[in-house]
Amino acid sequence: MSKIDPVIHFEMPAEDTERLGTFYQSVFGWQTQALGAKMGDFVLAFTGEVNKDTRMPKKPGFINGGFYKKTPSGQRIKLTILVDDIHEAIKKIEAAGGKMLRDVTEMPSVGLFADFEDPEGNVVTVNQDFTVKHL
């Protein structure tokens, strides 16, 4: 059996990101952190206990995410999938009928990212964590 790449992050659109954060906090107990206007009013959402330094879940099976401001074209829930080699993942995505939407970009101290659209029009991000392998 081949390696399974995990979903590690989600993003949900919202008219009011803080209101949506409050909703998920009150209903499911998620912790949230508003990043403010400089970060596009993005609100981080933590679905389980996290490491203070990395903000990554302490227990396997939990994923964190956040809420972003709705735009006319951005009304979709987005997922991020962790891969060992982003360039290999891109080759597989394109070979299977996916369309790359954004070139590989680097987020310092976090990793490499690229967005694609799957054959059904869903937007997904692939992430190569710097701790896995930095090319």
Protein backbone atom coordinates (compact mmCIF):
# COMPACT_ATOMS: atom_id res chain seq x y z
CA MET A 1 0.00 0.00 0.00
CA SER A 2 1.28 3.47 -0.81
CA LYS A 3 1.76 6.24 1.75
CA ILE A 4 -1.35 8.21 2.72
CA ASP A 5 -0.89 12.00 2.92
CA PRO A 6 -2.92 13.52 5.78
CA VAL A 7 -5.21 16.55 5.83
CA ILE A 8 -3.51 18.98 8.23
CA HIS A 9 -5.45 22.24 7.92
CA PHE A 10 -8.85 23.60 6.92
CA GLU A 11 -10.21 27.06 6.09
CA MET A 12 -13.84 28.14 6.02
CA PRO A 13 -15.22 31.33 4.45
CA ALA A 14 -17.16 33.83 6.56
CA GLU A 15 -18.77 37.26 6.26
CA ASP A 16 -17.67 37.89 9.86
CA THR A 17 -14.69 35.72 10.80
CA GLU A 18 -14.81 36.55 14.51
CA ARG A 19 -18.53 35.72 14.68
CA LEU A 20 -17.86 32.35 13.04
CA GLY A 21 -14.99 31.73 15.46
CA THR A 22 -17.30 32.49 18.39
CA PHE A 23 -19.89 30.06 16.99
CA TYR A 24 -17.45 27.14 16.75
CA GLN A 25 -15.98 28.03 20.13
CA SER A 26 -19.37 28.01 21.85
CA VAL A 27 -20.72 24.90 20.09
CA PHE A 28 -17.63 22.66 19.92
CA GLY A 29 -15.21 24.20 22.43
CA TRP A 30 -12.63 25.13 19.79
CA GLN A 31 -10.14 27.81 20.81
CA THR A 32 -9.76 30.75 18.42
CA GLN A 33 -7.29 33.56 17.84
CA ALA A 34 -8.14 36.59 15.71
CA LEU A 35 -5.12 37.74 13.70
CA GLY A 36 -6.54 41.19 12.88
CA ALA A 37 -6.80 43.40 9.82
CA LYS A 38 -3.10 43.08 8.87
CA MET A 39 -3.72 39.35 8.33
CA GLY A 40 -6.99 39.79 6.43
CA ASP A 41 -9.11 39.32 9.57
CA PHE A 42 -8.15 35.64 9.55
CA VAL A 43 -9.15 33.77 12.70
CA LEU A 44 -7.17 30.69 13.70
CA ALA A 45 -9.22 27.75 14.98
CA PHE A 46 -7.70 25.11 17.25
CA THR A 47 -9.77 21.91 17.45
CA GLY A 48 -7.64 20.29 20.14
CA GLU A 49 -4.79 20.99 22.53
CA VAL A 50 -1.77 22.49 20.75
CA ASN A 51 1.94 22.88 21.34
CA LYS A 52 2.52 26.51 22.46
CA ASP A 53 5.58 26.99 20.22
CA THR A 54 4.43 25.35 16.98
CA ARG A 55 0.64 25.70 17.40
CA MET A 56 0.40 22.14 16.04
CA PRO A 57 -1.97 19.58 17.63
CA LYS A 58 -0.47 17.53 20.46
CA LYS A 59 -2.61 14.46 19.68
CA PRO A 60 -2.82 12.62 16.35
CA GLY A 61 -6.13 12.92 14.54
CA PHE A 62 -6.74 16.59 15.24
CA ILE A 63 -6.42 19.26 12.59
CA ASN A 64 -6.49 23.00 13.07
CA GLY A 65 -7.60 25.66 10.67
CA GLY A 66 -9.28 28.99 10.50
CA PHE A 67 -11.83 31.31 9.04
CA TYR A 68 -11.18 33.72 6.17
CA LYS A 69 -13.15 36.67 4.76
CA LYS A 70 -15.55 35.70 2.00
CA THR A 71 -14.76 37.05 -1.44
CA PRO A 72 -16.92 36.88 -4.57
CA SER A 73 -14.92 33.89 -5.83
CA GLY A 74 -13.80 32.33 -2.53
CA GLN A 75 -16.85 30.68 -1.00
CA ARG A 76 -15.38 27.22 -0.51
CA ILE A 77 -14.05 25.24 2.41
CA LYS A 78 -10.37 24.66 1.72
CA LEU A 79 -8.18 21.78 2.88
CA THR A 80 -4.40 21.55 3.17
CA ILE A 81 -2.71 18.19 2.62
CA LEU A 82 0.79 17.48 3.94
CA VAL A 83 3.15 15.88 1.40
CA ASP A 84 6.77 14.76 1.61
CA ASP A 85 7.76 16.30 -1.74
CA ILE A 86 5.66 19.12 -3.14
CA HIS A 87 7.14 18.84 -6.64
CA GLU A 88 6.28 15.14 -6.85
CA ALA A 89 2.78 15.90 -5.57
CA ILE A 90 2.32 18.53 -8.30
CA LYS A 91 3.32 16.01 -10.97
CA LYS A 92 0.74 13.55 -9.62
CA ILE A 93 -1.96 16.24 -9.36
CA GLU A 94 -1.49 17.29 -12.97
CA ALA A 95 -1.26 13.71 -14.24
CA ALA A 96 -4.57 12.90 -12.52
CA GLY A 97 -6.40 15.87 -14.05
CA GLY A 98 -5.86 18.55 -11.41
CA LYS A 99 -5.00 22.14 -12.33
CA MET A 100 -2.39 24.15 -10.45
CA LEU A 101 -3.68 27.57 -9.36
CA ARG A 102 -0.63 28.96 -7.60
CA ASP A 103 3.08 28.30 -8.03
CA VAL A 104 5.02 26.94 -5.10
CA THR A 105 5.42 29.66 -2.50
CA GLU A 106 7.42 29.64 0.69
CA MET A 107 6.11 30.65 4.10
CA PRO A 108 9.26 31.25 6.18
CA SER A 109 9.77 28.70 8.97
CA VAL A 110 6.56 26.86 7.94
CA GLY A 111 7.06 25.28 4.54
CA LEU A 112 6.25 25.28 0.84
CA PHE A 113 2.70 25.65 -0.43
CA ALA A 114 0.86 25.35 -3.77
CA ASP A 115 -2.86 25.53 -4.55
CA PHE A 116 -4.67 23.35 -7.05
CA GLU A 117 -8.17 22.68 -8.29
CA ASP A 118 -9.29 19.06 -8.37
CA PRO A 119 -11.38 17.70 -11.28
CA GLU A 120 -14.61 18.69 -9.44
CA GLY A 121 -13.53 22.30 -8.89
CA ASN A 122 -12.52 22.02 -5.23
CA VAL A 123 -9.56 24.18 -4.22
CA VAL A 124 -6.93 22.35 -2.16
CA THR A 125 -3.47 23.32 -0.91
CA VAL A 126 -0.49 20.99 -0.73
CA ASN A 127 2.13 21.72 1.93
CA GLN A 128 5.67 20.44 2.26
CA ASP A 129 6.69 21.10 5.85
CA PHE A 130 10.29 22.27 6.25
CA THR A 131 10.82 19.62 8.93
CA VAL A 132 9.98 16.93 6.36
CA LYS A 133 12.26 17.91 3.48
CA HIS A 134 13.28 21.33 2.17
CA LEU A 135 14.20 21.52 -1.50
